[in-house]
Amino acid sequence: MKPPYEITSLILKYISSISEKIGEVNATYLLKTNPNLRKQNQIKTIHSSLNIEGNTLSEDQITALLENKKVVGPKKDITEVLNALEVYQNITTLKYHSEKDFLKAHKMLMKDLIENTGKYRSKSVGIVKGTKVEHIAPPHANVPFLMNDLFDYLKDKSEISLIKSCVFHYEMEFIHPFMDGNGRMGRLWQTLILMEEYPIFEFLPFETLISKNQSNYYNSLSASDKEGKSTKFIEYMLNIINESLNELLENTTKKLSDEDRIKIFTDTNSENFTRKDYLIYFKNLSSATASRDLKKAVEMGIITKQGDKKTTIYRKREL
């Protein structure tokens, strides 16, 4: 049975905005020109996802572990990071619709941290916030059947990936299939589901925004619990994804050099173009920077220029 939720005007608004932003982030723009960005964003993802769970290591310490350097810190925190690095470095080998891979990922993520890694819980659990019981998870005997149904839902090709990823994340947290590691598994698997259609999500650290205001994350889960459907959580997560794409676009544009920007633009625009076209492509660039980029490209012989001021037309120089 399909998990319950409603399509609201806010959900439609976020889907439209996210789809537009994904269109701006093409493979050449983000990955080929910025190989370091993959590493930086992977570190941000791991830092934020584990920080939500109480890990104390900094981004610099995680970077050091990634580079096989010695780090001083709590043994548990170091183990969590090393496990997460292994999972994220192998993320492209995991299939989002495979329950077997889901359990395999949990085994890697929780290695040397808990017993029975990669296995569903065999005890009943409740989530306590302060002195209040926030959530009573379904009986452990029901977990295998509930998770099997959830993975059947993932195979529904008619479902929009953006919504499907949020629904899975919420429903998995509700089922609480493991004794520990549910939060980080929910965030990891949402990333994996999104990657199937949008490879950019391998390098989008949306966990950073969750980490900055964790109470909103837990409040949206709680609100969905009370309503008996994942609508509120879908709205929350789509907003997080939308804002993360905003940050990614802004930060990436700033980090590109003028030569990078020209190369990216001319690789995808061989016809006549104007400064306005260049600014539409790089939405976060100032007019003055665009003018400097184009002037330099003309001087370097990458593009040609015809006309003057408002009538200026540029074209990629034929080799």
C-alpha atoms as a PDB file:
ATOM      1  CA  MET A   1       0.000   0.000   0.000  1.00  0.00           C
ATOM      2  CA  LYS A   2       1.269   3.464  -0.898  1.00  0.00           C
ATOM      3  CA  PRO A   3       2.331   5.469   2.204  1.00  0.00           C
ATOM      4  CA  PRO A   4      -0.136   8.302   2.938  1.00  0.00           C
ATOM      5  CA  TYR A   5       0.630  11.938   2.083  1.00  0.00           C
ATOM      6  CA  GLU A   6      -0.984  14.902   0.329  1.00  0.00           C
ATOM      7  CA  ILE A   7       0.308  17.061  -2.527  1.00  0.00           C
ATOM      8  CA  THR A   8       0.071  20.659  -1.280  1.00  0.00           C
ATOM      9  CA  SER A   9       0.665  23.929  -3.143  1.00  0.00           C
ATOM     10  CA  LEU A  10       3.875  24.329  -1.111  1.00  0.00           C
ATOM     11  CA  ILE A  11       5.154  20.931  -2.274  1.00  0.00           C
ATOM     12  CA  LEU A  12       4.411  21.845  -5.901  1.00  0.00           C
ATOM     13  CA  LYS A  13       6.186  25.178  -5.453  1.00  0.00           C
ATOM     14  CA  TYR A  14       9.317  23.488  -4.073  1.00  0.00           C
ATOM     15  CA  ILE A  15       9.364  20.804  -6.778  1.00  0.00           C
ATOM     16  CA  SER A  16       9.194  23.484  -9.466  1.00  0.00           C
ATOM     17  CA  SER A  17      11.986  25.511  -7.861  1.00  0.00           C
ATOM     18  CA  ILE A  18      14.210  22.457  -7.289  1.00  0.00           C
ATOM     19  CA  SER A  19      13.721  21.242 -10.864  1.00  0.00           C
ATOM     20  CA  GLU A  20      14.730  24.660 -12.195  1.00  0.00           C
ATOM     21  CA  LYS A  21      17.869  24.752 -10.045  1.00  0.00           C
ATOM     22  CA  ILE A  22      18.879  21.210 -10.979  1.00  0.00           C
ATOM     23  CA  GLY A  23      18.654  22.362 -14.596  1.00  0.00           C
ATOM     24  CA  GLU A  24      21.263  25.022 -13.813  1.00  0.00           C
ATOM     25  CA  VAL A  25      23.676  22.565 -12.278  1.00  0.00           C
ATOM     26  CA  ASN A  26      24.998  20.543 -15.219  1.00  0.00           C
ATOM     27  CA  ALA A  27      27.786  17.979 -14.998  1.00  0.00           C
ATOM     28  CA  THR A  28      30.428  20.150 -16.654  1.00  0.00           C
ATOM     29  CA  TYR A  29      29.595  23.135 -14.488  1.00  0.00           C
ATOM     30  CA  LEU A  30      29.930  21.386 -11.172  1.00  0.00           C
ATOM     31  CA  LEU A  31      31.956  18.228 -11.401  1.00  0.00           C
ATOM     32  CA  LYS A  32      34.487  18.352 -14.234  1.00  0.00           C
ATOM     33  CA  THR A  33      35.584  21.899 -13.510  1.00  0.00           C
ATOM     34  CA  ASN A  34      35.596  21.511  -9.739  1.00  0.00           C
ATOM     35  CA  PRO A  35      37.052  18.112  -8.778  1.00  0.00           C
ATOM     36  CA  ASN A  36      37.758  19.398  -5.257  1.00  0.00           C
ATOM     37  CA  LEU A  37      34.098  20.259  -4.771  1.00  0.00           C
ATOM     38  CA  ARG A  38      33.196  16.571  -4.672  1.00  0.00           C
ATOM     39  CA  LYS A  39      35.621  16.002  -1.806  1.00  0.00           C
ATOM     40  CA  GLN A  40      34.578  19.175   0.063  1.00  0.00           C
ATOM     41  CA  ASN A  41      30.876  18.384  -0.141  1.00  0.00           C
ATOM     42  CA  GLN A  42      31.372  14.759   0.869  1.00  0.00           C
ATOM     43  CA  ILE A  43      33.176  15.989   3.994  1.00  0.00           C
ATOM     44  CA  LYS A  44      30.368  18.490   4.718  1.00  0.00           C
ATOM     45  CA  THR A  45      27.757  15.744   4.327  1.00  0.00           C
ATOM     46  CA  ILE A  46      29.523  13.370   6.704  1.00  0.00           C
ATOM     47  CA  HIS A  47      30.269  16.120   9.236  1.00  0.00           C
ATOM     48  CA  SER A  48      26.669  17.366   9.294  1.00  0.00           C
ATOM     49  CA  SER A  49      24.964  13.963   9.326  1.00  0.00           C
ATOM     50  CA  LEU A  50      27.134  12.737  12.215  1.00  0.00           C
ATOM     51  CA  ASN A  51      26.949  16.075  14.028  1.00  0.00           C
ATOM     52  CA  ILE A  52      23.181  15.621  14.207  1.00  0.00           C
ATOM     53  CA  GLU A  53      23.889  12.357  16.035  1.00  0.00           C
ATOM     54  CA  GLY A  54      26.303  14.019  18.487  1.00  0.00           C
ATOM     55  CA  ASN A  55      29.661  13.428  16.776  1.00  0.00           C
ATOM     56  CA  THR A  56      32.229  16.043  17.901  1.00  0.00           C
ATOM     57  CA  LEU A  57      34.808  15.890  15.083  1.00  0.00           C
ATOM     58  CA  SER A  58      35.294  18.990  12.928  1.00  0.00           C
ATOM     59  CA  GLU A  59      35.416  19.192   9.131  1.00  0.00           C
ATOM     60  CA  ASP A  60      39.211  19.612   9.357  1.00  0.00           C
ATOM     61  CA  GLN A  61      39.514  16.420  11.400  1.00  0.00           C
ATOM     62  CA  ILE A  62      37.306  14.530   8.940  1.00  0.00           C
ATOM     63  CA  THR A  63      39.486  15.822   6.093  1.00  0.00           C
ATOM     64  CA  ALA A  64      42.561  14.556   7.922  1.00  0.00           C
ATOM     65  CA  LEU A  65      40.998  11.087   8.339  1.00  0.00           C
ATOM     66  CA  LEU A  66      40.090  11.081   4.638  1.00  0.00           C
ATOM     67  CA  GLU A  67      43.778  11.761   3.908  1.00  0.00           C
ATOM     68  CA  ASN A  68      44.849   8.934   6.263  1.00  0.00           C
ATOM     69  CA  LYS A  69      46.336  11.338   8.804  1.00  0.00           C
ATOM     70  CA  LYS A  70      46.283  10.776  12.550  1.00  0.00           C
ATOM     71  CA  VAL A  71      43.491  12.507  14.450  1.00  0.00           C
ATOM     72  CA  VAL A  72      43.086  12.928  18.203  1.00  0.00           C
ATOM     73  CA  GLY A  73      39.504  12.504  19.367  1.00  0.00           C
ATOM     74  CA  PRO A  74      36.996  10.122  20.965  1.00  0.00           C
ATOM     75  CA  LYS A  75      37.437   6.606  19.555  1.00  0.00           C
ATOM     76  CA  LYS A  76      33.686   6.267  18.887  1.00  0.00           C
ATOM     77  CA  ASP A  77      33.593   9.537  16.916  1.00  0.00           C
ATOM     78  CA  ILE A  78      36.609   8.535  14.812  1.00  0.00           C
ATOM     79  CA  THR A  79      35.044   5.133  14.095  1.00  0.00           C
ATOM     80  CA  GLU A  80      31.772   6.791  13.031  1.00  0.00           C
ATOM     81  CA  VAL A  81      33.630   9.021  10.574  1.00  0.00           C
ATOM     82  CA  LEU A  82      35.769   6.200   9.127  1.00  0.00           C
ATOM     83  CA  ASN A  83      32.631   4.104   8.630  1.00  0.00           C
ATOM     84  CA  ALA A  84      30.767   6.986   6.977  1.00  0.00           C
ATOM     85  CA  LEU A  85      33.736   7.692   4.674  1.00  0.00           C
ATOM     86  CA  GLU A  86      33.682   4.065   3.548  1.00  0.00           C
ATOM     87  CA  VAL A  87      29.950   4.174   2.838  1.00  0.00           C
ATOM     88  CA  TYR A  88      30.003   7.470   0.929  1.00  0.00           C
ATOM     89  CA  GLN A  89      33.048   6.422  -1.082  1.00  0.00           C
ATOM     90  CA  ASN A  90      31.119   3.318  -2.177  1.00  0.00           C
ATOM     91  CA  ILE A  91      27.724   4.973  -2.511  1.00  0.00           C
ATOM     92  CA  THR A  92      27.528   4.524  -6.290  1.00  0.00           C
ATOM     93  CA  THR A  93      27.717   0.723  -5.838  1.00  0.00           C
ATOM     94  CA  LEU A  94      24.533   0.682  -3.722  1.00  0.00           C
ATOM     95  CA  LYS A  95      21.115   0.225  -5.352  1.00  0.00           C
ATOM     96  CA  TYR A  96      18.396   2.383  -3.784  1.00  0.00           C
ATOM     97  CA  HIS A  97      15.671  -0.226  -4.381  1.00  0.00           C
ATOM     98  CA  SER A  98      17.659  -3.100  -2.847  1.00  0.00           C
ATOM     99  CA  GLU A  99      16.805  -4.041   0.731  1.00  0.00           C
ATOM    100  CA  LYS A 100      19.936  -6.208   0.729  1.00  0.00           C
ATOM    101  CA  ASP A 101      22.080  -3.132  -0.049  1.00  0.00           C
ATOM    102  CA  PHE A 102      20.221  -1.175   2.632  1.00  0.00           C
ATOM    103  CA  LEU A 103      21.263  -3.716   5.266  1.00  0.00           C
ATOM    104  CA  LYS A 104      24.782  -3.852   3.808  1.00  0.00           C
ATOM    105  CA  ALA A 105      25.076  -0.057   4.146  1.00  0.00           C
ATOM    106  CA  HIS A 106      23.936  -0.181   7.774  1.00  0.00           C
ATOM    107  CA  LYS A 107      26.549  -2.842   8.481  1.00  0.00           C
ATOM    108  CA  MET A 108      29.281  -0.589   7.057  1.00  0.00           C
ATOM    109  CA  LEU A 109      27.962   2.547   8.746  1.00  0.00           C
ATOM    110  CA  MET A 110      27.668   1.011  12.234  1.00  0.00           C
ATOM    111  CA  LYS A 111      30.678  -1.353  12.170  1.00  0.00           C
ATOM    112  CA  ASP A 112      32.355  -1.617  15.598  1.00  0.00           C
ATOM    113  CA  LEU A 113      29.715   0.710  17.092  1.00  0.00           C
ATOM    114  CA  ILE A 114      26.819  -1.630  17.903  1.00  0.00           C
ATOM    115  CA  GLU A 115      26.014  -5.326  17.893  1.00  0.00           C
ATOM    116  CA  ASN A 116      23.958  -6.938  15.120  1.00  0.00           C
ATOM    117  CA  THR A 117      24.959  -4.468  12.410  1.00  0.00           C
ATOM    118  CA  GLY A 118      23.073  -4.907   9.165  1.00  0.00           C
ATOM    119  CA  LYS A 119      20.155  -6.614  10.947  1.00  0.00           C
ATOM    120  CA  TYR A 120      16.734  -5.328  11.889  1.00  0.00           C
ATOM    121  CA  ARG A 121      16.046  -4.846  15.593  1.00  0.00           C
ATOM    122  CA  SER A 122      14.718  -7.697  17.718  1.00  0.00           C
ATOM    123  CA  LYS A 123      13.409  -5.470  20.526  1.00  0.00           C
ATOM    124  CA  SER A 124      10.693  -2.861  20.934  1.00  0.00           C
ATOM    125  CA  VAL A 125      11.884   0.752  21.058  1.00  0.00           C
ATOM    126  CA  GLY A 126      10.562   4.197  21.887  1.00  0.00           C
ATOM    127  CA  ILE A 127      12.103   7.598  21.226  1.00  0.00           C
ATOM    128  CA  VAL A 128      12.337   9.821  24.300  1.00  0.00           C
ATOM    129  CA  LYS A 129      12.931  13.583  24.181  1.00  0.00           C
ATOM    130  CA  GLY A 130      13.736  14.846  27.660  1.00  0.00           C
ATOM    131  CA  THR A 131      11.139  13.212  29.902  1.00  0.00           C
ATOM    132  CA  LYS A 132       8.548  12.797  27.146  1.00  0.00           C
ATOM    133  CA  VAL A 133       8.061   9.713  24.979  1.00  0.00           C
ATOM    134  CA  GLU A 134       8.053  11.231  21.491  1.00  0.00           C
ATOM    135  CA  HIS A 135       7.453   8.116  19.425  1.00  0.00           C
ATOM    136  CA  ILE A 136       6.678   4.439  19.970  1.00  0.00           C
ATOM    137  CA  ALA A 137       8.019   2.445  17.030  1.00  0.00           C
ATOM    138  CA  PRO A 138       6.034  -0.495  15.604  1.00  0.00           C
ATOM    139  CA  PRO A 139       6.643  -3.902  17.259  1.00  0.00           C
ATOM    140  CA  HIS A 140       9.927  -5.489  16.201  1.00  0.00           C
ATOM    141  CA  ALA A 141       8.100  -8.508  14.756  1.00  0.00           C
ATOM    142  CA  ASN A 142       6.486  -6.184  12.171  1.00  0.00           C
ATOM    143  CA  VAL A 143       9.716  -4.512  11.031  1.00  0.00           C
ATOM    144  CA  PRO A 144      10.682  -7.007   8.256  1.00  0.00           C
ATOM    145  CA  PHE A 145       7.218  -6.826   6.696  1.00  0.00           C
ATOM    146  CA  LEU A 146       7.013  -3.024   6.961  1.00  0.00           C
ATOM    147  CA  MET A 147      10.467  -2.542   5.413  1.00  0.00           C
ATOM    148  CA  ASN A 148       9.663  -5.022   2.651  1.00  0.00           C
ATOM    149  CA  ASP A 149       6.533  -3.002   1.821  1.00  0.00           C
ATOM    150  CA  LEU A 150       8.574   0.215   1.877  1.00  0.00           C
ATOM    151  CA  PHE A 151      11.064  -1.188  -0.620  1.00  0.00           C
ATOM    152  CA  ASP A 152       8.185  -2.315  -2.826  1.00  0.00           C
ATOM    153  CA  TYR A 153       7.020   1.309  -2.769  1.00  0.00           C
ATOM    154  CA  LEU A 154      10.466   2.430  -4.002  1.00  0.00           C
ATOM    155  CA  LYS A 155       9.917   0.375  -7.154  1.00  0.00           C
ATOM    156  CA  ASP A 156       6.879   2.490  -8.100  1.00  0.00           C
ATOM    157  CA  LYS A 157       8.067   4.205 -11.308  1.00  0.00           C
ATOM    158  CA  SER A 158       5.061   6.548 -11.369  1.00  0.00           C
ATOM    159  CA  GLU A 159       6.135   8.299  -8.154  1.00  0.00           C
ATOM    160  CA  ILE A 160       8.149  11.547  -8.386  1.00  0.00           C
ATOM    161  CA  SER A 161      11.681  10.886  -7.095  1.00  0.00           C
ATOM    162  CA  LEU A 162      11.799  14.053  -5.006  1.00  0.00           C
ATOM    163  CA  ILE A 163       8.641  13.009  -3.152  1.00  0.00           C
ATOM    164  CA  LYS A 164       9.561   9.314  -3.025  1.00  0.00           C
ATOM    165  CA  SER A 165      12.864  10.110  -1.305  1.00  0.00           C
ATOM    166  CA  CYS A 166      11.127  12.182   1.402  1.00  0.00           C
ATOM    167  CA  VAL A 167       8.414   9.577   1.958  1.00  0.00           C
ATOM    168  CA  PHE A 168      10.991   6.810   2.355  1.00  0.00           C
ATOM    169  CA  HIS A 169      13.033   8.946   4.771  1.00  0.00           C
ATOM    170  CA  TYR A 170       9.983   9.654   6.944  1.00  0.00           C
ATOM    171  CA  GLU A 171       8.501   6.135   6.858  1.00  0.00           C
ATOM    172  CA  MET A 172      11.884   4.569   7.662  1.00  0.00           C
ATOM    173  CA  GLU A 173      12.281   6.869  10.679  1.00  0.00           C
ATOM    174  CA  PHE A 174       8.748   5.947  11.788  1.00  0.00           C
ATOM    175  CA  ILE A 175       9.450   2.209  11.524  1.00  0.00           C
ATOM    176  CA  HIS A 176      12.820   2.706  13.247  1.00  0.00           C
ATOM    177  CA  PRO A 177      14.145  -0.602  11.898  1.00  0.00           C
ATOM    178  CA  PHE A 178      17.483  -0.603  13.727  1.00  0.00           C
ATOM    179  CA  MET A 179      18.510  -0.271  17.347  1.00  0.00           C
ATOM    180  CA  ASP A 180      20.822   2.597  16.325  1.00  0.00           C
ATOM    181  CA  GLY A 181      21.811   4.441  13.142  1.00  0.00           C
ATOM    182  CA  ASN A 182      18.273   5.115  11.871  1.00  0.00           C
ATOM    183  CA  GLY A 183      18.758   8.869  11.378  1.00  0.00           C
ATOM    184  CA  ARG A 184      21.969   8.613   9.392  1.00  0.00           C
ATOM    185  CA  MET A 185      20.519   5.729   7.342  1.00  0.00           C
ATOM    186  CA  GLY A 186      17.408   7.779   6.532  1.00  0.00           C
ATOM    187  CA  ARG A 187      19.508  10.682   5.257  1.00  0.00           C
ATOM    188  CA  LEU A 188      21.900   8.400   3.365  1.00  0.00           C
ATOM    189  CA  TRP A 189      19.089   6.531   1.626  1.00  0.00           C
ATOM    190  CA  GLN A 190      17.264   9.701   0.667  1.00  0.00           C
ATOM    191  CA  THR A 191      20.482  10.825  -1.034  1.00  0.00           C
ATOM    192  CA  LEU A 192      20.753   7.476  -2.833  1.00  0.00           C
ATOM    193  CA  ILE A 193      17.150   7.616  -4.091  1.00  0.00           C
ATOM    194  CA  LEU A 194      17.688  11.134  -5.443  1.00  0.00           C
ATOM    195  CA  MET A 195      21.015  10.179  -7.070  1.00  0.00           C
ATOM    196  CA  GLU A 196      19.257   7.651  -9.297  1.00  0.00           C
ATOM    197  CA  GLU A 197      17.599  10.470 -11.263  1.00  0.00           C
ATOM    198  CA  TYR A 198      19.826  13.407 -10.314  1.00  0.00           C
ATOM    199  CA  PRO A 199      23.545  12.477  -9.943  1.00  0.00           C
ATOM    200  CA  ILE A 200      24.202  15.936  -8.484  1.00  0.00           C
ATOM    201  CA  PHE A 201      22.798  14.749  -5.136  1.00  0.00           C
ATOM    202  CA  GLU A 202      25.940  12.714  -4.532  1.00  0.00           C
ATOM    203  CA  PHE A 203      27.624  16.073  -3.976  1.00  0.00           C
ATOM    204  CA  LEU A 204      24.818  18.082  -2.366  1.00  0.00           C
ATOM    205  CA  PRO A 205      25.321  18.301   1.418  1.00  0.00           C
ATOM    206  CA  PHE A 206      21.712  19.076   2.395  1.00  0.00           C
ATOM    207  CA  GLU A 207      22.468  17.624   5.844  1.00  0.00           C
ATOM    208  CA  THR A 208      24.348  20.861   6.579  1.00  0.00           C
ATOM    209  CA  LEU A 209      21.094  22.835   6.702  1.00  0.00           C
ATOM    210  CA  ILE A 210      19.397  20.150   8.810  1.00  0.00           C
ATOM    211  CA  SER A 211      22.307  20.279  11.238  1.00  0.00           C
ATOM    212  CA  LYS A 212      22.024  24.068  11.629  1.00  0.00           C
ATOM    213  CA  ASN A 213      18.508  23.799  13.024  1.00  0.00           C
ATOM    214  CA  GLN A 214      17.897  20.240  14.155  1.00  0.00           C
ATOM    215  CA  SER A 215      14.725  21.091  16.083  1.00  0.00           C
ATOM    216  CA  ASN A 216      12.905  21.837  12.801  1.00  0.00           C
ATOM    217  CA  TYR A 217      13.918  18.412  11.485  1.00  0.00           C
ATOM    218  CA  TYR A 218      12.541  16.606  14.538  1.00  0.00           C
ATOM    219  CA  ASN A 219       9.458  18.856  14.676  1.00  0.00           C
ATOM    220  CA  SER A 220       8.571  17.972  11.085  1.00  0.00           C
ATOM    221  CA  LEU A 221       8.906  14.258  11.892  1.00  0.00           C
ATOM    222  CA  SER A 222       6.717  14.725  14.967  1.00  0.00           C
ATOM    223  CA  ALA A 223       4.102  16.729  13.052  1.00  0.00           C
ATOM    224  CA  SER A 224       3.860  13.985  10.447  1.00  0.00           C
ATOM    225  CA  ASP A 225       3.519  11.359  13.195  1.00  0.00           C
ATOM    226  CA  LYS A 226       0.566  13.264  14.669  1.00  0.00           C
ATOM    227  CA  GLU A 227      -1.130  13.654  11.274  1.00  0.00           C
ATOM    228  CA  GLY A 228      -0.492  10.027  10.320  1.00  0.00           C
ATOM    229  CA  LYS A 229       0.978  11.043   6.963  1.00  0.00           C
ATOM    230  CA  SER A 230       4.324  12.403   5.743  1.00  0.00           C
ATOM    231  CA  THR A 231       3.063  15.672   4.194  1.00  0.00           C
ATOM    232  CA  LYS A 232       4.750  18.012   6.722  1.00  0.00           C
ATOM    233  CA  PHE A 233       8.036  16.158   6.463  1.00  0.00           C
ATOM    234  CA  ILE A 234       7.930  16.273   2.643  1.00  0.00           C
ATOM    235  CA  GLU A 235       7.427  20.066   2.791  1.00  0.00           C
ATOM    236  CA  TYR A 236      10.292  20.416   5.254  1.00  0.00           C
ATOM    237  CA  MET A 237      12.763  18.272   3.289  1.00  0.00           C
ATOM    238  CA  LEU A 238      11.934  19.837  -0.081  1.00  0.00           C
ATOM    239  CA  ASN A 239      12.597  23.251   1.446  1.00  0.00           C
ATOM    240  CA  ILE A 240      15.962  21.971   2.750  1.00  0.00           C
ATOM    241  CA  ILE A 241      16.891  20.591  -0.689  1.00  0.00           C
ATOM    242  CA  ASN A 242      15.835  23.826  -2.386  1.00  0.00           C
ATOM    243  CA  GLU A 243      17.942  25.960  -0.033  1.00  0.00           C
ATOM    244  CA  SER A 244      20.909  23.583  -0.393  1.00  0.00           C
ATOM    245  CA  LEU A 245      20.794  23.955  -4.177  1.00  0.00           C
ATOM    246  CA  ASN A 246      20.705  27.734  -3.711  1.00  0.00           C
ATOM    247  CA  GLU A 247      23.871  27.611  -1.622  1.00  0.00           C
ATOM    248  CA  LEU A 248      25.562  25.212  -4.018  1.00  0.00           C
ATOM    249  CA  LEU A 249      24.909  27.455  -7.018  1.00  0.00           C
ATOM    250  CA  GLU A 250      26.086  30.575  -5.209  1.00  0.00           C
ATOM    251  CA  ASN A 251      29.228  29.000  -3.772  1.00  0.00           C
ATOM    252  CA  THR A 252      30.190  27.198  -6.963  1.00  0.00           C
ATOM    253  CA  THR A 253      29.892  30.316  -9.102  1.00  0.00           C
ATOM    254  CA  LYS A 254      32.060  32.267  -6.657  1.00  0.00           C
ATOM    255  CA  LYS A 255      34.764  29.577  -6.632  1.00  0.00           C
ATOM    256  CA  LEU A 256      35.020  29.332 -10.430  1.00  0.00           C
ATOM    257  CA  SER A 257      37.799  31.340 -12.054  1.00  0.00           C
ATOM    258  CA  ASP A 258      37.012  33.603 -15.019  1.00  0.00           C
ATOM    259  CA  GLU A 259      38.637  31.061 -17.353  1.00  0.00           C
ATOM    260  CA  ASP A 260      36.515  28.267 -15.828  1.00  0.00           C
ATOM    261  CA  ARG A 261      33.328  30.243 -16.404  1.00  0.00           C
ATOM    262  CA  ILE A 262      34.202  31.055 -20.010  1.00  0.00           C
ATOM    263  CA  LYS A 263      35.118  27.446 -20.766  1.00  0.00           C
ATOM    264  CA  ILE A 264      31.896  26.140 -19.209  1.00  0.00           C
ATOM    265  CA  PHE A 265      29.767  28.678 -21.054  1.00  0.00           C
ATOM    266  CA  THR A 266      31.387  28.231 -24.479  1.00  0.00           C
ATOM    267  CA  ASP A 267      31.266  24.433 -24.156  1.00  0.00           C
ATOM    268  CA  THR A 268      27.476  24.665 -24.071  1.00  0.00           C
ATOM    269  CA  ASN A 269      26.913  27.841 -26.155  1.00  0.00           C
ATOM    270  CA  SER A 270      28.543  27.887 -29.584  1.00  0.00           C
ATOM    271  CA  GLU A 271      26.025  30.249 -31.216  1.00  0.00           C
ATOM    272  CA  ASN A 272      25.981  34.063 -31.014  1.00  0.00           C
ATOM    273  CA  PHE A 273      25.388  35.340 -27.491  1.00  0.00           C
ATOM    274  CA  THR A 274      25.266  38.565 -25.482  1.00  0.00           C
ATOM    275  CA  ARG A 275      26.418  39.592 -22.026  1.00  0.00           C
ATOM    276  CA  LYS A 276      22.792  39.180 -20.945  1.00  0.00           C
ATOM    277  CA  ASP A 277      22.870  35.511 -22.033  1.00  0.00           C
ATOM    278  CA  TYR A 278      26.059  35.048 -20.010  1.00  0.00           C
ATOM    279  CA  LEU A 279      24.410  36.573 -16.921  1.00  0.00           C
ATOM    280  CA  ILE A 280      21.320  34.382 -17.346  1.00  0.00           C
ATOM    281  CA  TYR A 281      23.587  31.315 -17.345  1.00  0.00           C
ATOM    282  CA  PHE A 282      25.544  32.474 -14.279  1.00  0.00           C
ATOM    283  CA  LYS A 283      22.669  33.933 -12.269  1.00  0.00           C
ATOM    284  CA  ASN A 284      24.774  34.899  -9.244  1.00  0.00           C
ATOM    285  CA  LEU A 285      27.398  36.841 -11.220  1.00  0.00           C
ATOM    286  CA  SER A 286      27.542  40.660 -11.195  1.00  0.00           C
ATOM    287  CA  SER A 287      27.351  42.642 -14.452  1.00  0.00           C
ATOM    288  CA  ALA A 288      30.868  44.021 -13.903  1.00  0.00           C
ATOM    289  CA  THR A 289      32.351  40.522 -13.440  1.00  0.00           C
ATOM    290  CA  ALA A 290      30.539  39.286 -16.565  1.00  0.00           C
ATOM    291  CA  SER A 291      31.998  42.160 -18.582  1.00  0.00           C
ATOM    292  CA  ARG A 292      35.513  41.400 -17.308  1.00  0.00           C
ATOM    293  CA  ASP A 293      35.120  37.708 -18.135  1.00  0.00           C
ATOM    294  CA  LEU A 294      34.027  38.425 -21.690  1.00  0.00           C
ATOM    295  CA  LYS A 295      36.758  41.040 -22.245  1.00  0.00           C
ATOM    296  CA  LYS A 296      39.421  38.579 -21.112  1.00  0.00           C
ATOM    297  CA  ALA A 297      37.981  35.820 -23.325  1.00  0.00           C
ATOM    298  CA  VAL A 298      38.190  38.138 -26.338  1.00  0.00           C
ATOM    299  CA  GLU A 299      41.815  39.031 -25.471  1.00  0.00           C
ATOM    300  CA  MET A 300      42.674  35.331 -25.113  1.00  0.00           C
ATOM    301  CA  GLY A 301      41.128  34.582 -28.497  1.00  0.00           C
ATOM    302  CA  ILE A 302      38.502  32.217 -27.054  1.00  0.00           C
ATOM    303  CA  ILE A 303      35.582  34.292 -28.396  1.00  0.00           C
ATOM    304  CA  THR A 304      35.143  37.031 -30.982  1.00  0.00           C
ATOM    305  CA  LYS A 305      33.312  40.324 -30.493  1.00  0.00           C
ATOM    306  CA  GLN A 306      31.135  42.302 -32.908  1.00  0.00           C
ATOM    307  CA  GLY A 307      29.368  45.613 -32.290  1.00  0.00           C
ATOM    308  CA  ASP A 308      29.684  47.929 -29.314  1.00  0.00           C
ATOM    309  CA  LYS A 309      27.959  48.439 -25.945  1.00  0.00           C
ATOM    310  CA  LYS A 310      24.302  47.329 -26.149  1.00  0.00           C
ATOM    311  CA  THR A 311      24.715  45.942 -29.670  1.00  0.00           C
ATOM    312  CA  THR A 312      27.702  43.748 -28.766  1.00  0.00           C
ATOM    313  CA  ILE A 313      27.485  40.145 -29.934  1.00  0.00           C
ATOM    314  CA  TYR A 314      29.972  37.426 -29.008  1.00  0.00           C
ATOM    315  CA  ARG A 315      30.704  34.099 -30.635  1.00  0.00           C
ATOM    316  CA  LYS A 316      32.972  31.183 -29.811  1.00  0.00           C
ATOM    317  CA  ARG A 317      36.038  31.259 -32.066  1.00  0.00           C
ATOM    318  CA  GLU A 318      36.147  28.329 -34.465  1.00  0.00           C
ATOM    319  CA  LEU A 319      39.272  26.165 -34.141  1.00  0.00           C
END
